[in-house]
Amino acid sequence: MKIIYGVKQIKKLRRPVVALGVFDGLHLGHRNILRATVKKAKRIKGTSLVLTFFPHPQEKESLYSLQHRLRLIAEMGVDVCIVVKFSRSFAKISAKDFISEILAGNIGASFIYVGKNFRFGSQAAGDYRLLVKEAKNYKIGVRIFDVVKSGTLTVSSTTIRKLIKNSKLKQAQKLLGRRVSVLGTVIRGSKLGRLLGFPTANINPHHEVVPPAGIYAVQVIFSKKRYDGVCYIGKRPTIYPADAAMRIEVHIFDFHKDIYGKVLEIQFIKLIRSDQKFTSLKDLSAQIKKDIISCRKIL
């Protein structure tokens, strides 16, 4: 997938079919839009294109970082992704100008695919009705997608965020259409895990929503390969005071590579237990052994 930063960098594209939205989390509703976009572009021998925004226009806590989002969009088979910096000046563009100058002008869209609840333009004044009406002036086809429901829950990034923060991984997974995951860079830590006999990769998450403190059975994606492991999220209360910083550490089973500075994706399978304080490092080490056995059985 080709990534373009800014609409002014766009060169002539063949019959663009544009999926329009933030696509934070790339949940079931988003995936429906992108799947249809790719399918339509192939049918008309055009270009499947995602137009997305960063940072989040509504100043919300992102479910996924931009890098994570771009990875997932690429996996959907999209040809081109345009990332628009959502700045103060961009926020002042009226809804009609957004359609005429960017969608029709810069991109030259043939079709626009968008969710029913998407808002755009200054003061979020534009909605799908305005888009349908104005797009006719530029002979742009528009397809509107209804909000997706899963049981009684609306499939939305806001709902998924709440589920993850409350350790409801199964429910979040159902709305996402895949496992809850965190993308992050491996950084240097205190090497306590190595001293205890369980070397861990310390993860600096890329502005992602992280599950609550606890021990999780996980799978780790590194260099397009999948590994089993156990992940710790917490403040290491056995060693550090209550006001210590939250840490994310993952022990990857049967793995011995130097991965400092590398990017990992941690996929959460199941919460094993909550975080707790032990009376000694010996007791902590004994519990980690039990956690690893539990995780291996699950995985």
Protein backbone atom coordinates (compact mmCIF):
# COMPACT_ATOMS: atom_id res chain seq x y z
CA MET A 1 0.00 0.00 0.00
CA LYS A 2 1.27 3.46 -0.91
CA ILE A 3 1.02 6.03 1.91
CA ILE A 4 0.69 9.73 1.05
CA TYR A 5 0.92 12.42 3.72
CA GLY A 6 -1.20 15.43 2.75
CA VAL A 7 -3.63 15.97 -0.12
CA LYS A 8 -1.27 18.30 -1.99
CA GLN A 9 1.09 15.38 -2.65
CA ILE A 10 -1.50 13.47 -4.67
CA LYS A 11 -0.76 12.73 -8.29
CA LYS A 12 -3.31 11.60 -10.86
CA LEU A 13 -5.01 8.40 -9.72
CA ARG A 14 -7.09 6.06 -11.86
CA ARG A 15 -10.81 6.21 -10.93
CA PRO A 16 -10.37 6.52 -7.15
CA VAL A 17 -12.88 4.76 -4.92
CA VAL A 18 -12.48 6.64 -1.63
CA ALA A 19 -13.21 5.24 1.83
CA LEU A 20 -13.59 8.30 4.03
CA GLY A 21 -13.11 8.26 7.81
CA VAL A 22 -10.81 8.15 10.82
CA PHE A 23 -11.04 4.32 10.98
CA ASP A 24 -9.67 4.26 14.52
CA GLY A 25 -9.43 0.60 15.54
CA LEU A 26 -10.58 -0.66 12.14
CA HIS A 27 -13.55 -2.47 13.71
CA LEU A 28 -16.26 -4.52 11.97
CA GLY A 29 -18.05 -1.45 10.61
CA HIS A 30 -14.83 0.00 9.20
CA ARG A 31 -13.85 -3.33 7.69
CA ASN A 32 -17.18 -3.53 5.86
CA ILE A 33 -16.48 -0.14 4.25
CA LEU A 34 -12.90 -0.98 3.28
CA ARG A 35 -13.80 -4.42 1.95
CA ALA A 36 -16.48 -2.89 -0.28
CA THR A 37 -14.08 -0.12 -1.40
CA VAL A 38 -11.43 -2.60 -2.52
CA LYS A 39 -14.05 -4.75 -4.27
CA LYS A 40 -15.53 -1.78 -6.15
CA ALA A 41 -12.10 -0.50 -7.24
CA LYS A 42 -11.20 -3.91 -8.65
CA ARG A 43 -14.53 -4.14 -10.47
CA ILE A 44 -14.08 -0.78 -12.25
CA LYS A 45 -10.29 -1.19 -12.62
CA GLY A 46 -9.76 1.83 -10.41
CA THR A 47 -7.74 2.70 -7.28
CA SER A 48 -8.93 1.79 -3.78
CA LEU A 49 -8.09 4.73 -1.53
CA VAL A 50 -8.50 5.50 2.16
CA LEU A 51 -8.61 9.14 3.25
CA THR A 52 -7.95 9.30 6.99
CA PHE A 53 -6.97 11.90 9.57
CA PHE A 54 -4.34 12.30 12.28
CA PRO A 55 -4.56 13.24 15.09
CA HIS A 56 -8.16 12.28 15.90
CA PRO A 57 -10.45 15.17 14.80
CA GLN A 58 -12.57 14.83 17.94
CA GLU A 59 -9.49 14.91 20.20
CA LYS A 60 -10.33 11.47 21.55
CA GLU A 61 -7.86 9.00 22.96
CA SER A 62 -6.93 6.87 19.96
CA LEU A 63 -7.77 3.20 20.09
CA TYR A 64 -4.80 2.53 17.81
CA SER A 65 -1.79 4.59 16.82
CA LEU A 66 -1.46 5.83 13.24
CA GLN A 67 1.23 3.22 12.51
CA HIS A 68 -1.02 0.43 13.79
CA ARG A 69 -3.99 1.77 11.83
CA LEU A 70 -1.95 1.94 8.60
CA ARG A 71 -0.81 -1.67 9.08
CA LEU A 72 -4.39 -2.86 9.37
CA ILE A 73 -5.59 -0.78 6.41
CA ALA A 74 -2.81 -2.27 4.28
CA GLU A 75 -3.87 -5.78 5.32
CA MET A 76 -7.31 -5.06 3.82
CA GLY A 77 -5.75 -4.80 0.35
CA VAL A 78 -6.11 -1.03 -0.07
CA ASP A 79 -3.96 0.51 -2.83
CA VAL A 80 -3.38 4.02 -1.43
CA CYS A 81 -3.87 5.68 1.96
CA ILE A 82 -3.84 9.47 2.29
CA VAL A 83 -3.14 10.76 5.80
CA VAL A 84 -4.40 14.30 6.37
CA LYS A 85 -2.91 16.21 9.29
CA PHE A 86 -5.89 17.47 11.27
CA SER A 87 -4.60 20.96 12.07
CA ARG A 88 -6.42 24.14 13.10
CA SER A 89 -6.30 25.45 9.53
CA PHE A 90 -7.67 22.18 8.14
CA ALA A 91 -10.47 22.22 10.73
CA LYS A 92 -11.64 25.58 9.33
CA ILE A 93 -12.40 24.18 5.85
CA SER A 94 -16.15 24.19 5.26
CA ALA A 95 -17.96 20.95 4.46
CA LYS A 96 -18.75 22.10 0.90
CA ASP A 97 -15.14 23.17 0.28
CA PHE A 98 -13.91 19.83 1.61
CA ILE A 99 -16.01 18.10 -1.04
CA SER A 100 -15.15 20.49 -3.91
CA GLU A 101 -11.47 21.13 -3.18
CA ILE A 102 -10.27 17.84 -1.69
CA LEU A 103 -12.59 15.00 -2.71
CA ALA A 104 -13.41 16.31 -6.19
CA GLY A 105 -10.37 18.54 -6.78
CA ASN A 106 -7.23 17.03 -5.25
CA ILE A 107 -8.32 13.39 -5.34
CA GLY A 108 -10.73 13.35 -8.29
CA ALA A 109 -12.93 10.76 -6.58
CA SER A 110 -15.17 8.57 -8.73
CA PHE A 111 -16.95 7.05 -5.72
CA ILE A 112 -17.01 7.81 -2.00
CA TYR A 113 -17.79 5.15 0.62
CA VAL A 114 -18.56 6.40 4.12
CA GLY A 115 -20.28 5.45 7.37
CA LYS A 116 -23.65 7.03 8.18
CA ASN A 117 -22.35 8.70 11.35
CA PHE A 118 -19.29 10.36 9.75
CA ARG A 119 -19.14 14.16 10.13
CA PHE A 120 -16.80 16.51 8.29
CA GLY A 121 -16.00 20.15 7.61
CA SER A 122 -15.80 23.15 9.96
CA GLN A 123 -17.71 22.56 13.20
CA ALA A 124 -18.47 19.03 11.89
CA ALA A 125 -21.32 20.63 9.93
CA GLY A 126 -21.22 18.13 7.06
CA ASP A 127 -23.03 14.79 7.19
CA TYR A 128 -23.87 12.01 4.76
CA ARG A 129 -26.93 13.89 3.44
CA LEU A 130 -24.84 16.90 2.43
CA LEU A 131 -22.21 14.59 0.92
CA VAL A 132 -24.79 12.82 -1.25
CA LYS A 133 -26.32 16.14 -2.36
CA GLU A 134 -23.04 17.93 -3.19
CA ALA A 135 -21.31 14.91 -4.75
CA LYS A 136 -23.93 14.92 -7.54
CA ASN A 137 -22.50 18.25 -8.74
CA TYR A 138 -19.19 16.51 -9.44
CA LYS A 139 -20.68 13.26 -10.74
CA ILE A 140 -19.27 11.36 -7.75
CA GLY A 141 -21.13 8.24 -6.65
CA VAL A 142 -21.72 7.86 -2.91
CA ARG A 143 -22.44 4.74 -0.88
CA ILE A 144 -23.53 5.13 2.73
CA PHE A 145 -22.97 2.34 5.28
CA ASP A 146 -25.25 1.87 8.28
CA VAL A 147 -23.86 1.65 11.81
CA VAL A 148 -23.19 -2.01 12.68
CA LYS A 149 -24.70 -3.66 15.78
CA SER A 150 -23.42 -6.68 17.66
CA GLY A 151 -26.25 -7.88 19.88
CA THR A 152 -27.25 -4.85 21.94
CA LEU A 153 -23.89 -3.09 21.42
CA THR A 154 -23.17 -0.49 18.74
CA VAL A 155 -19.88 -1.29 16.99
CA SER A 156 -17.86 1.87 17.61
CA SER A 157 -14.37 2.86 18.71
CA THR A 158 -15.84 4.45 21.85
CA THR A 159 -17.58 1.21 22.88
CA ILE A 160 -14.46 -0.86 22.16
CA ARG A 161 -12.28 1.53 24.16
CA LYS A 162 -14.53 1.07 27.21
CA LEU A 163 -14.56 -2.73 26.86
CA ILE A 164 -10.76 -2.93 26.67
CA LYS A 165 -10.31 -0.67 29.70
CA ASN A 166 -12.67 -2.96 31.64
CA SER A 167 -10.81 -6.17 30.63
CA LYS A 168 -13.76 -7.36 28.51
CA LEU A 169 -11.45 -8.70 25.83
CA LYS A 170 -13.86 -11.24 24.34
CA GLN A 171 -16.53 -8.61 23.77
CA ALA A 172 -14.02 -6.13 22.35
CA GLN A 173 -12.64 -8.84 20.07
CA LYS A 174 -16.14 -9.53 18.74
CA LEU A 175 -16.65 -5.85 17.80
CA LEU A 176 -13.17 -5.51 16.33
CA GLY A 177 -13.41 -8.67 14.26
CA ARG A 178 -9.98 -9.71 15.53
CA ARG A 179 -8.03 -9.88 18.79
CA VAL A 180 -7.38 -6.85 20.97
CA SER A 181 -3.78 -5.83 20.37
CA VAL A 182 -1.16 -3.21 21.17
CA LEU A 183 1.65 -2.06 18.89
CA GLY A 184 4.82 -0.86 20.57
CA THR A 185 8.59 -0.46 20.41
CA VAL A 186 10.94 -2.61 22.51
CA ILE A 187 12.90 -0.40 24.93
CA ARG A 188 15.56 -1.12 27.54
CA GLY A 189 14.33 -1.93 31.04
CA SER A 190 15.79 -2.85 34.43
CA LYS A 191 16.46 -6.46 33.31
CA LEU A 192 14.71 -7.76 36.44
CA GLY A 193 12.97 -10.44 34.38
CA ARG A 194 16.31 -11.74 33.19
CA LEU A 195 17.57 -11.90 36.81
CA LEU A 196 14.47 -13.89 37.76
CA GLY A 197 15.08 -16.27 34.85
CA PHE A 198 12.34 -14.91 32.59
CA PRO A 199 13.74 -12.29 30.17
CA THR A 200 11.12 -9.81 29.04
CA ALA A 201 10.79 -7.25 26.26
CA ASN A 202 9.76 -3.89 27.70
CA ILE A 203 7.20 -2.24 25.43
CA ASN A 204 6.63 1.44 24.80
CA PRO A 205 3.09 1.49 23.32
CA HIS A 206 2.39 3.78 20.36
CA HIS A 207 -0.39 5.90 21.93
CA GLU A 208 -2.72 2.92 22.16
CA VAL A 209 -5.52 1.93 24.53
CA VAL A 210 -3.96 -0.66 26.84
CA PRO A 211 -5.86 -3.30 28.88
CA PRO A 212 -5.85 -2.91 32.70
CA ALA A 213 -3.08 -4.20 34.96
CA GLY A 214 -2.73 -7.97 35.04
CA ILE A 215 -1.06 -11.01 33.51
CA TYR A 216 -2.25 -12.08 30.07
CA ALA A 217 -1.75 -15.03 27.75
CA VAL A 218 -0.69 -13.40 24.47
CA GLN A 219 0.60 -13.98 21.00
CA VAL A 220 3.33 -11.69 19.69
CA ILE A 221 3.72 -10.72 16.04
CA PHE A 222 7.31 -9.89 15.12
CA SER A 223 8.78 -9.78 11.64
CA LYS A 224 5.60 -11.40 10.24
CA LYS A 225 6.00 -14.40 12.57
CA ARG A 226 3.75 -15.35 15.49
CA TYR A 227 5.06 -16.36 18.93
CA ASP A 228 3.31 -17.42 22.15
CA GLY A 229 4.03 -15.56 25.35
CA VAL A 230 2.90 -14.02 28.63
CA CYS A 231 2.41 -10.28 29.09
CA TYR A 232 2.60 -8.29 32.31
CA ILE A 233 0.89 -4.90 32.63
CA GLY A 234 1.34 -3.13 35.95
CA LYS A 235 3.53 -1.12 38.32
CA ARG A 236 5.57 -4.05 39.72
CA PRO A 237 4.30 -3.53 43.30
CA THR A 238 6.63 -6.19 44.74
CA ILE A 239 9.59 -3.89 44.00
CA TYR A 240 8.34 -0.36 43.41
CA PRO A 241 6.04 2.09 45.28
CA ALA A 242 2.39 2.57 44.33
CA ASP A 243 3.10 5.73 42.35
CA ALA A 244 5.53 3.98 39.98
CA ALA A 245 4.95 4.19 36.23
CA MET A 246 2.84 1.56 34.49
CA ARG A 247 4.92 -1.00 32.60
CA ILE A 248 4.21 -3.41 29.76
CA GLU A 249 6.54 -6.40 29.61
CA VAL A 250 6.23 -9.51 27.49
CA HIS A 251 8.07 -12.81 27.94
CA ILE A 252 8.14 -14.55 24.55
CA PHE A 253 8.38 -18.34 24.84
CA ASP A 254 11.42 -20.03 23.28
CA PHE A 255 12.70 -16.75 21.83
CA HIS A 256 16.31 -15.56 22.02
CA LYS A 257 16.72 -12.68 19.54
CA ASP A 258 17.96 -9.15 20.29
CA ILE A 259 14.95 -6.97 19.47
CA TYR A 260 15.75 -3.63 21.12
CA GLY A 261 14.26 -0.83 19.01
CA LYS A 262 12.04 -3.23 17.06
CA VAL A 263 8.26 -2.97 16.79
CA LEU A 264 6.05 -5.76 18.17
CA GLU A 265 2.32 -6.34 18.09
CA ILE A 266 0.95 -7.98 21.25
CA GLN A 267 -2.37 -9.78 20.77
CA PHE A 268 -4.24 -10.43 24.03
CA ILE A 269 -5.82 -13.86 24.35
CA LYS A 270 -6.92 -14.14 27.99
CA LEU A 271 -6.46 -12.46 31.36
CA ILE A 272 -4.76 -14.99 33.68
CA ARG A 273 -4.86 -13.05 36.94
CA SER A 274 -4.76 -9.53 38.34
CA ASP A 275 -1.53 -7.82 39.38
CA GLN A 276 -0.45 -8.41 42.98
CA LYS A 277 2.29 -7.68 45.48
CA PHE A 278 4.46 -10.57 46.72
CA THR A 279 6.44 -10.74 49.96
CA SER A 280 9.67 -11.69 48.18
CA LEU A 281 11.26 -12.03 44.72
CA LYS A 282 11.36 -15.78 45.34
CA ASP A 283 7.56 -15.87 45.66
CA LEU A 284 7.22 -13.66 42.58
CA SER A 285 9.46 -16.00 40.57
CA ALA A 286 7.44 -19.03 41.67
CA GLN A 287 4.20 -17.34 40.58
CA ILE A 288 5.69 -16.39 37.18
CA LYS A 289 6.50 -20.08 36.61
CA LYS A 290 2.85 -20.94 37.32
CA ASP A 291 1.68 -18.13 35.00
CA ILE A 292 3.83 -19.46 32.16
CA ILE A 293 2.42 -22.99 32.61
CA SER A 294 -1.12 -21.57 32.56
CA CYS A 295 -0.40 -19.54 29.42
CA ARG A 296 1.19 -22.48 27.60
CA LYS A 297 -1.92 -24.57 28.30
CA ILE A 298 -4.22 -21.83 26.98
CA LEU A 299 -2.11 -21.15 23.90
